Amino acid sequence: MSSMIKRLVYHKLKNLTTSEIMGYAKEYDFSITQMEAEQIIYYFKNTNFDPFNKRDRRVFFQRLGEITDQSTAQKAYQLFHHLIERYNLTYLFDE
């Protein structure tokens, strides 16, 4: 089951659209621009980002802070941890 969940997450990240990111930003009360959403998509599509790997997550959230700002990156980091706990997925992520 965990490999299936991981494949779904990888697929979703590689296939995100600008409108989806903008929708998530609105849903979770983030303020990002269209250009920032495009840069986030570019990052996901052009790196070997593994959201289940602690080092890759750290690098991503640092990069997110460069794309947007540190406040947005911190808020996204907190939301990420909230969601994996809410859906009982902590066992998939290395600490």
PDB file of N, CA and C in Angstrom:
ATOM      1  N   MET A   1       0.823  -1.202   0.000  1.00  0.00           N
ATOM      2  CA  MET A   1       0.000   0.000   0.000  1.00  0.00           C
ATOM      3  C   MET A   1       0.862   1.259   0.000  1.00  0.00           C
ATOM      4  N   SER A   2       1.949   1.266   0.781  1.00  0.00           N
ATOM      5  CA  SER A   2       2.762   2.473   0.860  1.00  0.00           C
ATOM      6  C   SER A   2       3.432   2.794  -0.474  1.00  0.00           C
ATOM      7  N   SER A   3       3.822   1.787  -1.247  1.00  0.00           N
ATOM      8  CA  SER A   3       4.437   2.081  -2.546  1.00  0.00           C
ATOM      9  C   SER A   3       3.412   2.687  -3.504  1.00  0.00           C
ATOM     10  N   MET A   4       2.168   2.265  -3.406  1.00  0.00           N
ATOM     11  CA  MET A   4       1.122   2.835  -4.243  1.00  0.00           C
ATOM     12  C   MET A   4       0.895   4.306  -3.874  1.00  0.00           C
ATOM     13  N   ILE A   5       0.850   4.603  -2.597  1.00  0.00           N
ATOM     14  CA  ILE A   5       0.662   5.993  -2.147  1.00  0.00           C
ATOM     15  C   ILE A   5       1.817   6.849  -2.632  1.00  0.00           C
ATOM     16  N   LYS A   6       3.028   6.338  -2.509  1.00  0.00           N
ATOM     17  CA  LYS A   6       4.194   7.092  -2.960  1.00  0.00           C
ATOM     18  C   LYS A   6       4.131   7.356  -4.460  1.00  0.00           C
ATOM     19  N   ARG A   7       3.753   6.371  -5.238  1.00  0.00           N
ATOM     20  CA  ARG A   7       3.638   6.561  -6.693  1.00  0.00           C
ATOM     21  C   ARG A   7       2.592   7.626  -7.016  1.00  0.00           C
ATOM     22  N   LEU A   8       1.486   7.617  -6.290  1.00  0.00           N
ATOM     23  CA  LEU A   8       0.451   8.630  -6.509  1.00  0.00           C
ATOM     24  C   LEU A   8       0.974  10.036  -6.207  1.00  0.00           C
ATOM     25  N   VAL A   9       1.722  10.160  -5.121  1.00  0.00           N
ATOM     26  CA  VAL A   9       2.283  11.466  -4.747  1.00  0.00           C
ATOM     27  C   VAL A   9       3.276  11.938  -5.804  1.00  0.00           C
ATOM     28  N   TYR A  10       4.198  11.060  -6.225  1.00  0.00           N
ATOM     29  CA  TYR A  10       5.162  11.429  -7.270  1.00  0.00           C
ATOM     30  C   TYR A  10       4.438  11.879  -8.539  1.00  0.00           C
ATOM     31  N   HIS A  11       3.447  11.119  -8.937  1.00  0.00           N
ATOM     32  CA  HIS A  11       2.689  11.443 -10.151  1.00  0.00           C
ATOM     33  C   HIS A  11       2.012  12.807 -10.018  1.00  0.00           C
ATOM     34  N   LYS A  12       1.400  13.048  -8.883  1.00  0.00           N
ATOM     35  CA  LYS A  12       0.704  14.318  -8.671  1.00  0.00           C
ATOM     36  C   LYS A  12       1.671  15.496  -8.740  1.00  0.00           C
ATOM     37  N   LEU A  13       2.829  15.367  -8.092  1.00  0.00           N
ATOM     38  CA  LEU A  13       3.800  16.463  -8.104  1.00  0.00           C
ATOM     39  C   LEU A  13       4.317  16.747  -9.507  1.00  0.00           C
ATOM     40  N   LYS A  14       4.563  15.707 -10.272  1.00  0.00           N
ATOM     41  CA  LYS A  14       5.096  15.887 -11.635  1.00  0.00           C
ATOM     42  C   LYS A  14       4.047  16.426 -12.598  1.00  0.00           C
ATOM     43  N   ASN A  15       2.773  16.325 -12.238  1.00  0.00           N
ATOM     44  CA  ASN A  15       1.702  16.732 -13.149  1.00  0.00           C
ATOM     45  C   ASN A  15       0.853  17.894 -12.635  1.00  0.00           C
ATOM     46  N   LEU A  16       1.326  18.579 -11.618  1.00  0.00           N
ATOM     47  CA  LEU A  16       0.589  19.740 -11.116  1.00  0.00           C
ATOM     48  C   LEU A  16       0.485  20.816 -12.188  1.00  0.00           C
ATOM     49  N   THR A  17      -0.585  21.562 -12.129  1.00  0.00           N
ATOM     50  CA  THR A  17      -0.753  22.693 -13.043  1.00  0.00           C
ATOM     51  C   THR A  17      -0.718  23.993 -12.233  1.00  0.00           C
ATOM     52  N   THR A  18      -0.501  25.066 -12.945  1.00  0.00           N
ATOM     53  CA  THR A  18      -0.495  26.383 -12.305  1.00  0.00           C
ATOM     54  C   THR A  18      -1.830  26.657 -11.628  1.00  0.00           C
ATOM     55  N   SER A  19      -2.918  26.332 -12.312  1.00  0.00           N
ATOM     56  CA  SER A  19      -4.233  26.602 -11.723  1.00  0.00           C
ATOM     57  C   SER A  19      -4.466  25.760 -10.470  1.00  0.00           C
ATOM     58  N   GLU A  20      -3.942  24.532 -10.432  1.00  0.00           N
ATOM     59  CA  GLU A  20      -4.082  23.724  -9.225  1.00  0.00           C
ATOM     60  C   GLU A  20      -3.312  24.353  -8.061  1.00  0.00           C
ATOM     61  N   ILE A  21      -2.091  24.782  -8.319  1.00  0.00           N
ATOM     62  CA  ILE A  21      -1.305  25.411  -7.249  1.00  0.00           C
ATOM     63  C   ILE A  21      -1.988  26.686  -6.779  1.00  0.00           C
ATOM     64  N   MET A  22      -2.491  27.473  -7.702  1.00  0.00           N
ATOM     65  CA  MET A  22      -3.199  28.702  -7.320  1.00  0.00           C
ATOM     66  C   MET A  22      -4.450  28.363  -6.519  1.00  0.00           C
ATOM     67  N   GLY A  23      -5.133  27.299  -6.866  1.00  0.00           N
ATOM     68  CA  GLY A  23      -6.312  26.864  -6.119  1.00  0.00           C
ATOM     69  C   GLY A  23      -5.955  26.409  -4.712  1.00  0.00           C
ATOM     70  N   TYR A  24      -4.867  25.632  -4.599  1.00  0.00           N
ATOM     71  CA  TYR A  24      -4.420  25.200  -3.271  1.00  0.00           C
ATOM     72  C   TYR A  24      -3.990  26.400  -2.430  1.00  0.00           C
ATOM     73  N   ALA A  25      -3.338  27.360  -3.068  1.00  0.00           N
ATOM     74  CA  ALA A  25      -2.917  28.566  -2.346  1.00  0.00           C
ATOM     75  C   ALA A  25      -4.136  29.284  -1.769  1.00  0.00           C
ATOM     76  N   LYS A  26      -5.154  29.399  -2.566  1.00  0.00           N
ATOM     77  CA  LYS A  26      -6.377  30.062  -2.097  1.00  0.00           C
ATOM     78  C   LYS A  26      -7.037  29.241  -0.985  1.00  0.00           C
ATOM     79  N   GLU A  27      -7.133  27.927  -1.198  1.00  0.00           N
ATOM     80  CA  GLU A  27      -7.774  27.051  -0.217  1.00  0.00           C
ATOM     81  C   GLU A  27      -7.075  27.089   1.139  1.00  0.00           C
ATOM     82  N   TYR A  28      -5.750  27.153   1.122  1.00  0.00           N
ATOM     83  CA  TYR A  28      -4.986  27.117   2.375  1.00  0.00           C
ATOM     84  C   TYR A  28      -4.453  28.486   2.789  1.00  0.00           C
ATOM     85  N   ASP A  29      -4.987  29.538   2.174  1.00  0.00           N
ATOM     86  CA  ASP A  29      -4.693  30.919   2.552  1.00  0.00           C
ATOM     87  C   ASP A  29      -3.213  31.293   2.384  1.00  0.00           C
ATOM     88  N   PHE A  30      -2.667  30.952   1.212  1.00  0.00           N
ATOM     89  CA  PHE A  30      -1.317  31.366   0.845  1.00  0.00           C
ATOM     90  C   PHE A  30      -1.421  32.479  -0.173  1.00  0.00           C
ATOM     91  N   SER A  31      -0.445  33.329  -0.182  1.00  0.00           N
ATOM     92  CA  SER A  31      -0.419  34.390  -1.180  1.00  0.00           C
ATOM     93  C   SER A  31       0.764  34.130  -2.114  1.00  0.00           C
ATOM     94  N   ILE A  32       0.475  33.628  -3.322  1.00  0.00           N
ATOM     95  CA  ILE A  32       1.530  33.430  -4.313  1.00  0.00           C
ATOM     96  C   ILE A  32       1.051  33.969  -5.653  1.00  0.00           C
ATOM     97  N   THR A  33       2.015  34.296  -6.487  1.00  0.00           N
ATOM     98  CA  THR A  33       1.699  34.825  -7.809  1.00  0.00           C
ATOM     99  C   THR A  33       1.698  33.691  -8.835  1.00  0.00           C
ATOM    100  N   GLN A  34       1.201  34.008  -9.996  1.00  0.00           N
ATOM    101  CA  GLN A  34       1.205  33.055 -11.108  1.00  0.00           C
ATOM    102  C   GLN A  34       2.645  32.632 -11.431  1.00  0.00           C
ATOM    103  N   MET A  35       3.558  33.598 -11.457  1.00  0.00           N
ATOM    104  CA  MET A  35       4.965  33.311 -11.757  1.00  0.00           C
ATOM    105  C   MET A  35       5.571  32.385 -10.703  1.00  0.00           C
ATOM    106  N   GLU A  36       5.254  32.606  -9.436  1.00  0.00           N
ATOM    107  CA  GLU A  36       5.759  31.734  -8.371  1.00  0.00           C
ATOM    108  C   GLU A  36       5.221  30.313  -8.537  1.00  0.00           C
ATOM    109  N   ALA A  37       3.948  30.199  -8.878  1.00  0.00           N
ATOM    110  CA  ALA A  37       3.354  28.878  -9.114  1.00  0.00           C
ATOM    111  C   ALA A  37       4.063  28.182 -10.269  1.00  0.00           C
ATOM    112  N   GLU A  38       4.374  28.907 -11.318  1.00  0.00           N
ATOM    113  CA  GLU A  38       5.091  28.338 -12.462  1.00  0.00           C
ATOM    114  C   GLU A  38       6.491  27.878 -12.063  1.00  0.00           C
ATOM    115  N   GLN A  39       7.161  28.627 -11.200  1.00  0.00           N
ATOM    116  CA  GLN A  39       8.497  28.248 -10.746  1.00  0.00           C
ATOM    117  C   GLN A  39       8.449  26.993  -9.873  1.00  0.00           C
ATOM    118  N   ILE A  40       7.404  26.870  -9.076  1.00  0.00           N
ATOM    119  CA  ILE A  40       7.233  25.671  -8.245  1.00  0.00           C
ATOM    120  C   ILE A  40       7.024  24.458  -9.146  1.00  0.00           C
ATOM    121  N   ILE A  41       6.187  24.597 -10.147  1.00  0.00           N
ATOM    122  CA  ILE A  41       5.952  23.508 -11.089  1.00  0.00           C
ATOM    123  C   ILE A  41       7.244  23.135 -11.798  1.00  0.00           C
ATOM    124  N   TYR A  42       7.998  24.129 -12.223  1.00  0.00           N
ATOM    125  CA  TYR A  42       9.275  23.876 -12.887  1.00  0.00           C
ATOM    126  C   TYR A  42      10.188  23.060 -11.969  1.00  0.00           C
ATOM    127  N   TYR A  43      10.232  23.425 -10.698  1.00  0.00           N
ATOM    128  CA  TYR A  43      11.067  22.703  -9.734  1.00  0.00           C
ATOM    129  C   TYR A  43      10.656  21.231  -9.666  1.00  0.00           C
ATOM    130  N   PHE A  44       9.380  20.974  -9.510  1.00  0.00           N
ATOM    131  CA  PHE A  44       8.904  19.587  -9.401  1.00  0.00           C
ATOM    132  C   PHE A  44       9.190  18.785 -10.669  1.00  0.00           C
ATOM    133  N   LYS A  45       9.024  19.407 -11.813  1.00  0.00           N
ATOM    134  CA  LYS A  45       9.200  18.674 -13.069  1.00  0.00           C
ATOM    135  C   LYS A  45      10.655  18.475 -13.452  1.00  0.00           C
ATOM    136  N   ASN A  46      11.547  19.319 -12.959  1.00  0.00           N
ATOM    137  CA  ASN A  46      12.934  19.287 -13.411  1.00  0.00           C
ATOM    138  C   ASN A  46      13.934  18.878 -12.352  1.00  0.00           C
ATOM    139  N   THR A  47      13.453  18.344 -11.255  1.00  0.00           N
ATOM    140  CA  THR A  47      14.355  17.802 -10.239  1.00  0.00           C
ATOM    141  C   THR A  47      13.891  16.389  -9.908  1.00  0.00           C
ATOM    142  N   ASN A  48      14.720  15.689  -9.202  1.00  0.00           N
ATOM    143  CA  ASN A  48      14.351  14.351  -8.722  1.00  0.00           C
ATOM    144  C   ASN A  48      13.851  14.455  -7.286  1.00  0.00           C
ATOM    145  N   PHE A  49      13.030  15.438  -7.024  1.00  0.00           N
ATOM    146  CA  PHE A  49      12.500  15.697  -5.687  1.00  0.00           C
ATOM    147  C   PHE A  49      11.769  14.475  -5.147  1.00  0.00           C
ATOM    148  N   ASP A  50      12.181  14.050  -3.964  1.00  0.00           N
ATOM    149  CA  ASP A  50      11.531  12.941  -3.268  1.00  0.00           C
ATOM    150  C   ASP A  50      10.930  13.500  -1.979  1.00  0.00           C
ATOM    151  N   PRO A  51       9.624  13.741  -1.957  1.00  0.00           N
ATOM    152  CA  PRO A  51       9.010  14.346  -0.779  1.00  0.00           C
ATOM    153  C   PRO A  51       9.092  13.463   0.464  1.00  0.00           C
ATOM    154  N   PHE A  52       9.444  12.204   0.296  1.00  0.00           N
ATOM    155  CA  PHE A  52       9.527  11.274   1.424  1.00  0.00           C
ATOM    156  C   PHE A  52      10.914  11.282   2.062  1.00  0.00           C
ATOM    157  N   ASN A  53      11.846  11.986   1.436  1.00  0.00           N
ATOM    158  CA  ASN A  53      13.220  12.073   1.912  1.00  0.00           C
ATOM    159  C   ASN A  53      13.430  13.408   2.630  1.00  0.00           C
ATOM    160  N   LYS A  54      13.911  13.334   3.862  1.00  0.00           N
ATOM    161  CA  LYS A  54      14.069  14.536   4.698  1.00  0.00           C
ATOM    162  C   LYS A  54      14.961  15.589   4.027  1.00  0.00           C
ATOM    163  N   ARG A  55      16.079  15.165   3.466  1.00  0.00           N
ATOM    164  CA  ARG A  55      17.010  16.107   2.837  1.00  0.00           C
ATOM    165  C   ARG A  55      16.339  16.799   1.643  1.00  0.00           C
ATOM    166  N   ASP A  56      15.647  16.029   0.804  1.00  0.00           N
ATOM    167  CA  ASP A  56      14.965  16.618  -0.350  1.00  0.00           C
ATOM    168  C   ASP A  56      13.895  17.617   0.083  1.00  0.00           C
ATOM    169  N   ARG A  57      13.181  17.296   1.155  1.00  0.00           N
ATOM    170  CA  ARG A  57      12.162  18.235   1.655  1.00  0.00           C
ATOM    171  C   ARG A  57      12.817  19.511   2.147  1.00  0.00           C
ATOM    172  N   ARG A  58      13.933  19.396   2.865  1.00  0.00           N
ATOM    173  CA  ARG A  58      14.630  20.581   3.367  1.00  0.00           C
ATOM    174  C   ARG A  58      15.072  21.470   2.202  1.00  0.00           C
ATOM    175  N   VAL A  59      15.642  20.857   1.173  1.00  0.00           N
ATOM    176  CA  VAL A  59      16.082  21.611  -0.006  1.00  0.00           C
ATOM    177  C   VAL A  59      14.883  22.265  -0.691  1.00  0.00           C
ATOM    178  N   PHE A  60      13.789  21.519  -0.817  1.00  0.00           N
ATOM    179  CA  PHE A  60      12.604  22.095  -1.455  1.00  0.00           C
ATOM    180  C   PHE A  60      12.079  23.299  -0.686  1.00  0.00           C
ATOM    181  N   PHE A  61      11.945  23.185   0.626  1.00  0.00           N
ATOM    182  CA  PHE A  61      11.384  24.309   1.380  1.00  0.00           C
ATOM    183  C   PHE A  61      12.338  25.506   1.380  1.00  0.00           C
ATOM    184  N   GLN A  62      13.645  25.269   1.308  1.00  0.00           N
ATOM    185  CA  GLN A  62      14.587  26.379   1.141  1.00  0.00           C
ATOM    186  C   GLN A  62      14.370  27.053  -0.214  1.00  0.00           C
ATOM    187  N   ARG A  63      14.218  26.234  -1.236  1.00  0.00           N
ATOM    188  CA  ARG A  63      13.976  26.763  -2.585  1.00  0.00           C
ATOM    189  C   ARG A  63      12.636  27.493  -2.645  1.00  0.00           C
ATOM    190  N   LEU A  64      11.625  26.963  -1.974  1.00  0.00           N
ATOM    191  CA  LEU A  64      10.329  27.624  -1.923  1.00  0.00           C
ATOM    192  C   LEU A  64      10.459  29.005  -1.288  1.00  0.00           C
ATOM    193  N   GLY A  65      11.299  29.115  -0.263  1.00  0.00           N
ATOM    194  CA  GLY A  65      11.550  30.410   0.360  1.00  0.00           C
ATOM    195  C   GLY A  65      12.201  31.391  -0.595  1.00  0.00           C
ATOM    196  N   GLU A  66      13.034  30.880  -1.513  1.00  0.00           N
ATOM    197  CA  GLU A  66      13.655  31.742  -2.526  1.00  0.00           C
ATOM    198  C   GLU A  66      12.640  32.142  -3.596  1.00  0.00           C
ATOM    199  N   ILE A  67      11.769  31.225  -3.961  1.00  0.00           N
ATOM    200  CA  ILE A  67      10.764  31.502  -4.989  1.00  0.00           C
ATOM    201  C   ILE A  67       9.721  32.484  -4.458  1.00  0.00           C
ATOM    202  N   THR A  68       9.263  32.258  -3.247  1.00  0.00           N
ATOM    203  CA  THR A  68       8.211  33.099  -2.664  1.00  0.00           C
ATOM    204  C   THR A  68       8.852  33.992  -1.612  1.00  0.00           C
ATOM    205  N   ASP A  69       8.704  33.649  -0.364  1.00  0.00           N
ATOM    206  CA  ASP A  69       9.377  34.323   0.750  1.00  0.00           C
ATOM    207  C   ASP A  69       9.444  33.337   1.914  1.00  0.00           C
ATOM    208  N   GLN A  70      10.213  33.664   2.920  1.00  0.00           N
ATOM    209  CA  GLN A  70      10.411  32.735   4.042  1.00  0.00           C
ATOM    210  C   GLN A  70       9.121  32.478   4.814  1.00  0.00           C
ATOM    211  N   SER A  71       8.274  33.462   4.918  1.00  0.00           N
ATOM    212  CA  SER A  71       7.007  33.293   5.625  1.00  0.00           C
ATOM    213  C   SER A  71       6.123  32.267   4.917  1.00  0.00           C
ATOM    214  N   THR A  72       6.038  32.353   3.603  1.00  0.00           N
ATOM    215  CA  THR A  72       5.244  31.404   2.831  1.00  0.00           C
ATOM    216  C   THR A  72       5.831  30.003   2.931  1.00  0.00           C
ATOM    217  N   ALA A  73       7.150  29.902   2.844  1.00  0.00           N
ATOM    218  CA  ALA A  73       7.810  28.593   2.954  1.00  0.00           C
ATOM    219  C   ALA A  73       7.563  27.982   4.328  1.00  0.00           C
ATOM    220  N   GLN A  74       7.621  28.780   5.366  1.00  0.00           N
ATOM    221  CA  GLN A  74       7.380  28.275   6.724  1.00  0.00           C
ATOM    222  C   GLN A  74       5.937  27.812   6.870  1.00  0.00           C
ATOM    223  N   LYS A  75       5.016  28.580   6.334  1.00  0.00           N
ATOM    224  CA  LYS A  75       3.602  28.213   6.396  1.00  0.00           C
ATOM    225  C   LYS A  75       3.349  26.915   5.620  1.00  0.00           C
ATOM    226  N   ALA A  76       3.983  26.763   4.470  1.00  0.00           N
ATOM    227  CA  ALA A  76       3.847  25.540   3.674  1.00  0.00           C
ATOM    228  C   ALA A  76       4.433  24.342   4.419  1.00  0.00           C
ATOM    229  N   TYR A  77       5.552  24.550   5.087  1.00  0.00           N
ATOM    230  CA  TYR A  77       6.184  23.495   5.876  1.00  0.00           C
ATOM    231  C   TYR A  77       5.241  23.029   6.987  1.00  0.00           C
ATOM    232  N   GLN A  78       4.650  23.962   7.683  1.00  0.00           N
ATOM    233  CA  GLN A  78       3.716  23.619   8.758  1.00  0.00           C
ATOM    234  C   GLN A  78       2.479  22.909   8.213  1.00  0.00           C
ATOM    235  N   LEU A  79       1.967  23.379   7.084  1.00  0.00           N
ATOM    236  CA  LEU A  79       0.812  22.736   6.458  1.00  0.00           C
ATOM    237  C   LEU A  79       1.166  21.310   6.039  1.00  0.00           C
ATOM    238  N   PHE A  80       2.334  21.119   5.460  1.00  0.00           N
ATOM    239  CA  PHE A  80       2.786  19.789   5.048  1.00  0.00           C
ATOM    240  C   PHE A  80       2.733  18.825   6.235  1.00  0.00           C
ATOM    241  N   HIS A  81       3.326  19.225   7.357  1.00  0.00           N
ATOM    242  CA  HIS A  81       3.342  18.351   8.533  1.00  0.00           C
ATOM    243  C   HIS A  81       1.932  18.124   9.091  1.00  0.00           C
ATOM    244  N   HIS A  82       1.128  19.142   9.055  1.00  0.00           N
ATOM    245  CA  HIS A  82      -0.256  18.995   9.513  1.00  0.00           C
ATOM    246  C   HIS A  82      -1.009  17.964   8.667  1.00  0.00           C
ATOM    247  N   LEU A  83      -0.849  18.041   7.351  1.00  0.00           N
ATOM    248  CA  LEU A  83      -1.568  17.139   6.461  1.00  0.00           C
ATOM    249  C   LEU A  83      -1.099  15.690   6.578  1.00  0.00           C
ATOM    250  N   ILE A  84       0.207  15.469   6.712  1.00  0.00           N
ATOM    251  CA  ILE A  84       0.653  14.071   6.828  1.00  0.00           C
ATOM    252  C   ILE A  84       0.218  13.476   8.167  1.00  0.00           C
ATOM    253  N   GLU A  85       0.119  14.305   9.196  1.00  0.00           N
ATOM    254  CA  GLU A  85      -0.391  13.803  10.478  1.00  0.00           C
ATOM    255  C   GLU A  85      -1.900  13.584  10.402  1.00  0.00           C
ATOM    256  N   ARG A  86      -2.586  14.504   9.790  1.00  0.00           N
ATOM    257  CA  ARG A  86      -4.048  14.410   9.678  1.00  0.00           C
ATOM    258  C   ARG A  86      -4.481  13.141   8.941  1.00  0.00           C
ATOM    259  N   TYR A  87      -3.737  12.781   7.911  1.00  0.00           N
ATOM    260  CA  TYR A  87      -4.078  11.599   7.115  1.00  0.00           C
ATOM    261  C   TYR A  87      -3.286  10.356   7.528  1.00  0.00           C
ATOM    262  N   ASN A  88      -2.652  10.428   8.696  1.00  0.00           N
ATOM    263  CA  ASN A  88      -1.912   9.288   9.257  1.00  0.00           C
ATOM    264  C   ASN A  88      -0.887   8.710   8.279  1.00  0.00           C
ATOM    265  N   LEU A  89      -0.097   9.589   7.683  1.00  0.00           N
ATOM    266  CA  LEU A  89       0.909   9.164   6.714  1.00  0.00           C
ATOM    267  C   LEU A  89       2.338   9.363   7.211  1.00  0.00           C
ATOM    268  N   THR A  90       2.511   9.663   8.475  1.00  0.00           N
ATOM    269  CA  THR A  90       3.851   9.938   8.994  1.00  0.00           C
ATOM    270  C   THR A  90       4.810   8.777   8.785  1.00  0.00           C
ATOM    271  N   TYR A  91       4.304   7.561   8.747  1.00  0.00           N
ATOM    272  CA  TYR A  91       5.161   6.388   8.576  1.00  0.00           C
ATOM    273  C   TYR A  91       5.854   6.374   7.202  1.00  0.00           C
ATOM    274  N   LEU A  92       5.351   7.152   6.244  1.00  0.00           N
ATOM    275  CA  LEU A  92       5.956   7.186   4.919  1.00  0.00           C
ATOM    276  C   LEU A  92       7.147   8.147   4.818  1.00  0.00           C
ATOM    277  N   PHE A  93       7.274   9.045   5.778  1.00  0.00           N
ATOM    278  CA  PHE A  93       8.261  10.112   5.694  1.00  0.00           C
ATOM    279  C   PHE A  93       9.367   9.900   6.716  1.00  0.00           C
ATOM    280  N   ASP A  94      10.623   9.904   6.220  1.00  0.00           N
ATOM    281  CA  ASP A  94      11.730   9.772   7.157  1.00  0.00           C
ATOM    282  C   ASP A  94      11.932  11.090   7.894  1.00  0.00           C
ATOM    283  N   GLU A  95      12.326  10.996   9.097  1.00  0.00           N
ATOM    284  CA  GLU A  95      12.574  12.197   9.907  1.00  0.00           C
ATOM    285  C   GLU A  95      14.033  12.323  10.062  1.00  0.00           C
TER     286      GLU A  95
END
